[in-house]
Amino acid sequence: MDLNFSSALAAQLGDPSATDAGPQYRADATVGLNGNDVSLDAERVESADNGEAMEAAATFLHQSTADLVMALRPNPSGI
């Protein structure tokens, strides 16, 4: 089961235009002999995608913060 994080967050923050679609089930997964329909390979790919997105967001936040700190520092030359 997957959740759409963006729409769930917007709904919790009170965005009137946000619609919470609820849980999303994967219909294309094949069910194994033990009744499990989770594909380990698909989960690894999704985890790698999430890791890359998180790393990109952290890099952007770090650079934005560094730029803000640089802008707030006094100019040593006085110009």
C-alpha atoms as a PDB file:
ATOM      1  CA  MET A   1       0.000   0.000   0.000  1.00  0.00           C
ATOM      2  CA  ASP A   2       1.358   3.409  -0.936  1.00  0.00           C
ATOM      3  CA  LEU A   3       0.256   6.822   0.246  1.00  0.00           C
ATOM      4  CA  ASN A   4       0.473  10.006  -1.792  1.00  0.00           C
ATOM      5  CA  PHE A   5       2.529  12.097   0.627  1.00  0.00           C
ATOM      6  CA  SER A   6       1.996  15.447  -1.117  1.00  0.00           C
ATOM      7  CA  SER A   7      -1.797  15.248  -1.100  1.00  0.00           C
ATOM      8  CA  ALA A   8      -1.912  13.857   2.455  1.00  0.00           C
ATOM      9  CA  LEU A   9       0.328  16.684   3.717  1.00  0.00           C
ATOM     10  CA  ALA A  10      -1.706  19.343   1.918  1.00  0.00           C
ATOM     11  CA  ALA A  11      -4.929  17.913   3.347  1.00  0.00           C
ATOM     12  CA  GLN A  12      -3.493  17.959   6.884  1.00  0.00           C
ATOM     13  CA  LEU A  13      -2.266  21.538   6.436  1.00  0.00           C
ATOM     14  CA  GLY A  14      -5.817  22.620   5.618  1.00  0.00           C
ATOM     15  CA  ASP A  15      -5.485  23.233   1.886  1.00  0.00           C
ATOM     16  CA  PRO A  16      -9.111  23.384   0.665  1.00  0.00           C
ATOM     17  CA  SER A  17      -8.156  22.349  -2.876  1.00  0.00           C
ATOM     18  CA  ALA A  18      -6.321  19.222  -1.683  1.00  0.00           C
ATOM     19  CA  THR A  19      -8.064  15.910  -1.984  1.00  0.00           C
ATOM     20  CA  ASP A  20      -6.799  12.971   0.008  1.00  0.00           C
ATOM     21  CA  ALA A  21      -6.939  10.035  -2.379  1.00  0.00           C
ATOM     22  CA  GLY A  22      -6.361   7.548   0.431  1.00  0.00           C
ATOM     23  CA  PRO A  23      -4.191   4.475   0.109  1.00  0.00           C
ATOM     24  CA  GLN A  24      -3.112   3.300  -3.311  1.00  0.00           C
ATOM     25  CA  TYR A  25      -2.812  -0.416  -3.922  1.00  0.00           C
ATOM     26  CA  ARG A  26      -0.593  -1.959  -6.558  1.00  0.00           C
ATOM     27  CA  ALA A  27      -2.715  -3.998  -8.931  1.00  0.00           C
ATOM     28  CA  ASP A  28       0.147  -5.205 -11.129  1.00  0.00           C
ATOM     29  CA  ALA A  29       2.010  -7.174  -8.454  1.00  0.00           C
ATOM     30  CA  THR A  30       2.035 -10.918  -8.726  1.00  0.00           C
ATOM     31  CA  VAL A  31       1.153 -12.880  -5.626  1.00  0.00           C
ATOM     32  CA  GLY A  32       3.674 -15.492  -4.527  1.00  0.00           C
ATOM     33  CA  LEU A  33       2.931 -18.904  -3.061  1.00  0.00           C
ATOM     34  CA  ASN A  34       2.997 -17.464   0.455  1.00  0.00           C
ATOM     35  CA  GLY A  35       0.370 -14.808  -0.407  1.00  0.00           C
ATOM     36  CA  ASN A  36       2.903 -11.970  -0.443  1.00  0.00           C
ATOM     37  CA  ASP A  37       2.669  -9.549  -3.355  1.00  0.00           C
ATOM     38  CA  VAL A  38       5.652  -7.372  -2.430  1.00  0.00           C
ATOM     39  CA  SER A  39       8.429  -7.335  -5.016  1.00  0.00           C
ATOM     40  CA  LEU A  40      11.789  -6.860  -3.351  1.00  0.00           C
ATOM     41  CA  ASP A  41      13.308  -5.499  -6.561  1.00  0.00           C
ATOM     42  CA  ALA A  42      10.523  -2.919  -6.972  1.00  0.00           C
ATOM     43  CA  GLU A  43      10.944  -1.864  -3.347  1.00  0.00           C
ATOM     44  CA  ARG A  44      14.705  -1.446  -3.841  1.00  0.00           C
ATOM     45  CA  VAL A  45      14.147   0.756  -6.899  1.00  0.00           C
ATOM     46  CA  GLU A  46      11.587   2.853  -5.039  1.00  0.00           C
ATOM     47  CA  SER A  47      13.919   3.149  -2.053  1.00  0.00           C
ATOM     48  CA  ALA A  48      16.754   4.305  -4.325  1.00  0.00           C
ATOM     49  CA  ASP A  49      14.461   6.898  -5.935  1.00  0.00           C
ATOM     50  CA  ASN A  50      13.393   8.155  -2.510  1.00  0.00           C
ATOM     51  CA  GLY A  51      17.030   8.329  -1.394  1.00  0.00           C
ATOM     52  CA  GLU A  52      18.002  10.379  -4.428  1.00  0.00           C
ATOM     53  CA  ALA A  53      15.084  12.760  -3.901  1.00  0.00           C
ATOM     54  CA  MET A  54      15.985  13.150  -0.236  1.00  0.00           C
ATOM     55  CA  GLU A  55      19.631  13.804  -1.063  1.00  0.00           C
ATOM     56  CA  ALA A  56      18.646  16.422  -3.652  1.00  0.00           C
ATOM     57  CA  ALA A  57      16.350  18.145  -1.161  1.00  0.00           C
ATOM     58  CA  ALA A  58      19.069  18.141   1.504  1.00  0.00           C
ATOM     59  CA  THR A  59      21.615  19.561  -0.939  1.00  0.00           C
ATOM     60  CA  PHE A  60      19.197  22.314  -1.983  1.00  0.00           C
ATOM     61  CA  LEU A  61      18.427  23.155   1.647  1.00  0.00           C
ATOM     62  CA  HIS A  62      22.125  23.216   2.556  1.00  0.00           C
ATOM     63  CA  GLN A  63      22.973  25.510  -0.366  1.00  0.00           C
ATOM     64  CA  SER A  64      20.036  27.819   0.370  1.00  0.00           C
ATOM     65  CA  THR A  65      21.071  28.072   4.001  1.00  0.00           C
ATOM     66  CA  ALA A  66      24.695  28.709   3.040  1.00  0.00           C
ATOM     67  CA  ASP A  67      23.582  31.473   0.659  1.00  0.00           C
ATOM     68  CA  LEU A  68      21.448  33.052   3.377  1.00  0.00           C
ATOM     69  CA  VAL A  69      24.309  32.964   5.891  1.00  0.00           C
ATOM     70  CA  MET A  70      26.636  34.507   3.295  1.00  0.00           C
ATOM     71  CA  ALA A  71      24.127  37.292   2.611  1.00  0.00           C
ATOM     72  CA  LEU A  72      23.751  38.066   6.323  1.00  0.00           C
ATOM     73  CA  ARG A  73      27.483  38.283   7.025  1.00  0.00           C
ATOM     74  CA  PRO A  74      28.945  41.768   7.206  1.00  0.00           C
ATOM     75  CA  ASN A  75      31.262  42.722   4.374  1.00  0.00           C
ATOM     76  CA  PRO A  76      34.852  42.622   5.739  1.00  0.00           C
ATOM     77  CA  SER A  77      36.076  45.244   3.257  1.00  0.00           C
ATOM     78  CA  GLY A  78      33.373  47.699   4.343  1.00  0.00           C
ATOM     79  CA  ILE A  79      32.162  48.354   0.811  1.00  0.00           C
END
